[in-house]
Amino acid sequence: MEYDKIILESNLPVLKLDLKYPQEEIYAELSALKKKTVSQIGNDEWKGCTLRGLAADKPRPYYEYGFENEKDVPYKWTEFAKLCPLTINFIKQYFPDNELYRIKLNILKPGGKIHLHTDSITSGLGISDKSSDKETTYIALGIFWPKDVIFNIGDVRIPFKSGDSYLIDFSLPHEVYNPTNYDRYYLVITGNFHKNYKWRKIVEDSFEKNRNINLPIKEAF
């Protein structure tokens, strides 16, 4: 199946990506940012910061800072990016600056919950058009994912493990719970990648390899 049809017509709740990255080294860099993160939408268990954004302490979507679309936002590498050279080198292997928008670290603390919600009106992999432009792709990386952390989406659970990456259909109701004693680290890379040959091939190859993976049934919190 071609890239555009995979994104918009595959009807998958998630697609596991064949995207390899140095998980332990990136985790070491990002964990050093823990004390620099800020609470998000009043949830003290859900912290965030940006490696690329309006500012390191502004992890939220562009409209919360007065902008009307992604293309108008003066995104830049923040001072936190300088503390994470291996992370930035990995990202730049695949995406040039002119394709990138916000790069955001999310930390969900022990006992933390992100309650059931949707982020997109449009059904499709990696689309989050309630919080971004429809053309923007959201790539989700489980940098450090304790075994028992639950990510329910629709009627299934994403079997996230540390080092995994996924495209997610954010139009489906989803929720996250961290019942462990460890922080969950989740990196979101966003941008307009649809003309990027490397990215298109990753998606197409991942679809051929992973489209028939059986997903476990969702778990109650």
Protein backbone atom coordinates (compact mmCIF):
# COMPACT_ATOMS: atom_id res chain seq x y z
CA MET A 1 0.00 0.00 0.00
CA GLU A 2 1.26 3.49 -0.83
CA TYR A 3 2.14 6.00 1.87
CA ASP A 4 -0.92 8.28 1.56
CA LYS A 5 -3.33 5.36 1.71
CA ILE A 6 -1.53 3.89 4.73
CA ILE A 7 -1.94 7.17 6.59
CA LEU A 8 -5.56 7.85 5.64
CA GLU A 9 -7.16 4.56 4.59
CA SER A 10 -5.50 1.67 6.45
CA ASN A 11 -7.96 1.95 9.38
CA LEU A 12 -5.27 0.86 11.81
CA PRO A 13 -5.51 2.23 15.37
CA VAL A 14 -1.69 2.25 15.48
CA LEU A 15 1.25 1.35 13.28
CA LYS A 16 4.48 0.19 14.89
CA LEU A 17 7.37 1.84 13.09
CA ASP A 18 10.62 0.24 12.05
CA LEU A 19 12.51 3.24 13.38
CA LYS A 20 15.66 2.37 15.27
CA TYR A 21 17.24 4.76 17.76
CA PRO A 22 19.78 4.57 20.61
CA GLN A 23 17.19 4.21 23.36
CA GLU A 24 19.49 4.00 26.37
CA GLU A 25 21.62 6.97 25.32
CA ILE A 26 18.58 9.12 24.49
CA TYR A 27 16.94 8.15 27.78
CA ALA A 28 20.06 9.22 29.65
CA GLU A 29 19.96 12.64 27.97
CA LEU A 30 16.24 13.20 28.43
CA SER A 31 16.16 12.02 32.05
CA ALA A 32 18.57 14.84 32.87
CA LEU A 33 15.78 17.27 31.88
CA LYS A 34 13.30 15.94 34.44
CA LYS A 35 13.65 18.82 36.88
CA LYS A 36 13.28 21.32 34.05
CA THR A 37 9.84 20.14 32.90
CA VAL A 38 6.58 22.00 33.60
CA SER A 39 3.08 20.76 34.43
CA GLN A 40 0.63 20.50 31.52
CA ILE A 41 -3.03 21.60 31.55
CA GLY A 42 -3.16 21.52 35.34
CA ASN A 43 -1.97 17.91 35.59
CA ASP A 44 0.95 17.81 38.01
CA GLU A 45 1.65 14.16 37.14
CA TRP A 46 2.08 15.01 33.44
CA LYS A 47 5.17 17.11 32.79
CA GLY A 48 6.63 18.45 29.57
CA CYS A 49 9.30 20.52 27.86
CA THR A 50 10.54 21.04 24.32
CA LEU A 51 13.78 20.40 22.50
CA ARG A 52 12.29 22.38 19.62
CA GLY A 53 9.47 24.82 20.13
CA LEU A 54 8.65 28.41 21.00
CA ALA A 55 10.63 27.98 24.21
CA ALA A 56 11.82 25.09 26.34
CA ASP A 57 9.04 25.69 28.88
CA LYS A 58 6.24 26.00 26.29
CA PRO A 59 5.34 22.41 25.35
CA ARG A 60 1.68 23.00 24.52
CA PRO A 61 0.11 23.37 21.02
CA TYR A 62 0.64 26.57 19.05
CA TYR A 63 -2.89 27.97 19.50
CA GLU A 64 -2.38 28.17 23.26
CA TYR A 65 0.34 30.74 22.54
CA GLY A 66 -1.72 32.86 20.14
CA PHE A 67 -0.79 31.39 16.73
CA GLU A 68 -3.26 30.31 14.05
CA ASN A 69 -1.33 27.52 12.33
CA GLU A 70 1.95 25.60 12.51
CA LYS A 71 3.56 27.43 9.59
CA ASP A 72 3.34 30.75 11.43
CA VAL A 73 5.12 29.53 14.56
CA PRO A 74 8.81 30.56 14.85
CA TYR A 75 9.93 27.14 16.05
CA LYS A 76 13.58 26.90 17.09
CA TRP A 77 15.92 24.51 18.84
CA THR A 78 15.76 25.37 22.54
CA GLU A 79 18.57 25.42 25.07
CA PHE A 80 17.50 21.89 26.07
CA ALA A 81 18.48 20.62 22.61
CA LYS A 82 22.10 21.52 23.40
CA LEU A 83 21.92 19.14 26.36
CA CYS A 84 20.75 16.26 24.13
CA PRO A 85 23.21 15.97 21.21
CA LEU A 86 22.61 12.25 20.57
CA THR A 87 18.85 12.80 20.49
CA ILE A 88 19.19 15.68 18.03
CA ASN A 89 21.64 13.76 15.84
CA PHE A 90 19.18 10.87 15.62
CA ILE A 91 16.33 13.18 14.60
CA LYS A 92 18.45 14.97 12.00
CA GLN A 93 19.37 11.66 10.38
CA TYR A 94 15.80 11.55 9.11
CA PHE A 95 14.38 15.09 9.18
CA PRO A 96 15.87 18.46 8.14
CA ASP A 97 15.02 21.56 10.15
CA ASN A 98 12.63 22.92 7.52
CA GLU A 99 10.35 19.86 7.96
CA LEU A 100 10.31 19.94 11.77
CA TYR A 101 7.84 21.65 14.07
CA ARG A 102 7.60 20.93 17.80
CA ILE A 103 9.71 18.23 19.49
CA LYS A 104 8.29 17.56 22.91
CA LEU A 105 9.23 15.42 25.91
CA ASN A 106 6.33 14.13 28.02
CA ILE A 107 6.94 12.59 31.43
CA LEU A 108 4.11 10.76 33.19
CA LYS A 109 4.94 10.36 36.85
CA PRO A 110 4.12 7.31 39.01
CA GLY A 111 0.38 7.16 39.58
CA GLY A 112 -0.21 9.67 36.80
CA LYS A 113 -3.17 9.47 34.44
CA ILE A 114 -4.08 11.10 31.15
CA HIS A 115 -7.84 10.71 31.03
CA LEU A 116 -9.89 9.48 28.07
CA HIS A 117 -9.89 11.99 25.21
CA THR A 118 -9.36 12.43 21.47
CA ASP A 119 -6.90 14.75 19.69
CA SER A 120 -8.20 14.59 16.15
CA ILE A 121 -11.40 14.94 14.18
CA THR A 122 -9.80 13.31 11.14
CA SER A 123 -9.14 9.59 11.32
CA GLY A 124 -5.61 8.76 10.21
CA LEU A 125 -2.21 7.68 11.47
CA GLY A 126 -0.21 10.42 13.15
CA ILE A 127 -2.85 13.13 12.64
CA SER A 128 -3.77 15.36 15.59
CA ASP A 129 -5.86 18.10 14.01
CA LYS A 130 -7.45 19.31 17.24
CA SER A 131 -4.02 20.40 18.43
CA SER A 132 -2.21 20.94 15.14
CA ASP A 133 -2.65 21.31 11.40
CA LYS A 134 -3.99 18.29 9.53
CA GLU A 135 -0.73 18.11 7.53
CA THR A 136 1.34 17.72 10.69
CA THR A 137 2.52 14.22 11.60
CA TYR A 138 3.00 13.13 15.22
CA ILE A 139 5.60 10.39 15.78
CA ALA A 140 5.43 8.80 19.24
CA LEU A 141 8.60 7.33 20.78
CA GLY A 142 8.54 5.29 23.98
CA ILE A 143 11.94 6.37 25.26
CA PHE A 144 11.47 4.70 28.65
CA TRP A 145 8.27 2.73 29.07
CA PRO A 146 7.92 0.75 32.30
CA LYS A 147 6.35 -2.64 31.66
CA ASP A 148 2.98 -2.03 33.32
CA VAL A 149 2.20 1.43 31.90
CA ILE A 150 -1.14 1.23 30.05
CA PHE A 151 -1.95 3.07 26.82
CA ASN A 152 -5.51 2.22 25.77
CA ILE A 153 -6.82 3.34 22.39
CA GLY A 154 -10.25 2.43 21.11
CA ASP A 155 -10.79 -1.21 22.10
CA VAL A 156 -7.12 -2.18 22.26
CA ARG A 157 -3.94 -1.50 24.20
CA ILE A 158 -0.75 -0.33 22.53
CA PRO A 159 1.96 -2.82 23.58
CA PHE A 160 4.54 -0.09 24.05
CA LYS A 161 8.03 -1.05 25.14
CA SER A 162 11.11 1.08 25.71
CA GLY A 163 12.65 1.78 22.32
CA ASP A 164 9.38 1.45 20.38
CA SER A 165 7.91 4.07 18.07
CA TYR A 166 4.37 4.33 16.71
CA LEU A 167 2.00 6.28 14.55
CA ILE A 168 -1.32 6.56 16.38
CA ASP A 169 -4.86 7.32 15.21
CA PHE A 170 -5.60 10.10 17.69
CA SER A 171 -9.24 10.34 16.57
CA LEU A 172 -9.88 7.22 18.67
CA PRO A 173 -10.53 7.71 22.40
CA HIS A 174 -7.31 7.06 24.28
CA GLU A 175 -6.00 7.17 27.83
CA VAL A 176 -2.76 6.47 29.69
CA TYR A 177 -2.03 5.30 33.21
CA ASN A 178 1.29 4.78 34.96
CA PRO A 179 0.77 2.41 37.92
CA THR A 180 4.51 1.85 38.37
CA ASN A 181 7.15 3.45 40.58
CA TYR A 182 9.01 4.85 37.57
CA ASP A 183 8.58 7.87 35.33
CA ARG A 184 7.43 7.16 31.78
CA TYR A 185 9.39 9.07 29.11
CA TYR A 186 7.65 9.72 25.79
CA LEU A 187 9.10 11.84 22.99
CA VAL A 188 6.88 13.36 20.31
CA ILE A 189 8.43 14.48 17.01
CA THR A 190 6.15 16.62 14.86
CA GLY A 191 6.52 18.15 11.43
CA ASN A 192 5.40 18.08 7.82
CA PHE A 193 7.16 14.96 6.54
CA HIS A 194 4.85 13.86 3.74
CA LYS A 195 7.34 14.61 0.94
CA ASN A 196 10.32 13.14 2.80
CA TYR A 197 11.42 9.99 0.93
CA LYS A 198 13.15 8.41 3.96
CA TRP A 199 10.04 8.89 6.07
CA ARG A 200 7.66 7.59 3.41
CA LYS A 201 9.78 4.44 3.03
CA ILE A 202 9.83 3.87 6.81
CA VAL A 203 6.04 4.04 6.89
CA GLU A 204 5.58 1.79 3.84
CA ASP A 205 8.10 -0.80 5.06
CA SER A 206 6.62 -0.72 8.57
CA PHE A 207 3.14 -1.29 7.18
CA GLU A 208 4.26 -4.34 5.22
CA LYS A 209 6.01 -5.76 8.28
CA ASN A 210 3.66 -4.82 11.12
CA ARG A 211 0.14 -4.30 9.76
CA ASN A 212 -1.07 -7.72 10.95
CA ILE A 213 0.29 -7.53 14.50
CA ASN A 214 -2.39 -8.58 16.99
CA LEU A 215 -3.02 -5.91 19.60
CA PRO A 216 -4.04 -6.86 23.14
CA ILE A 217 -7.47 -5.90 24.45
CA LYS A 218 -7.53 -2.66 26.42
CA GLU A 219 -7.03 -2.78 30.17
CA ALA A 220 -9.19 -1.11 32.78
CA PHE A 221 -7.42 1.28 35.13
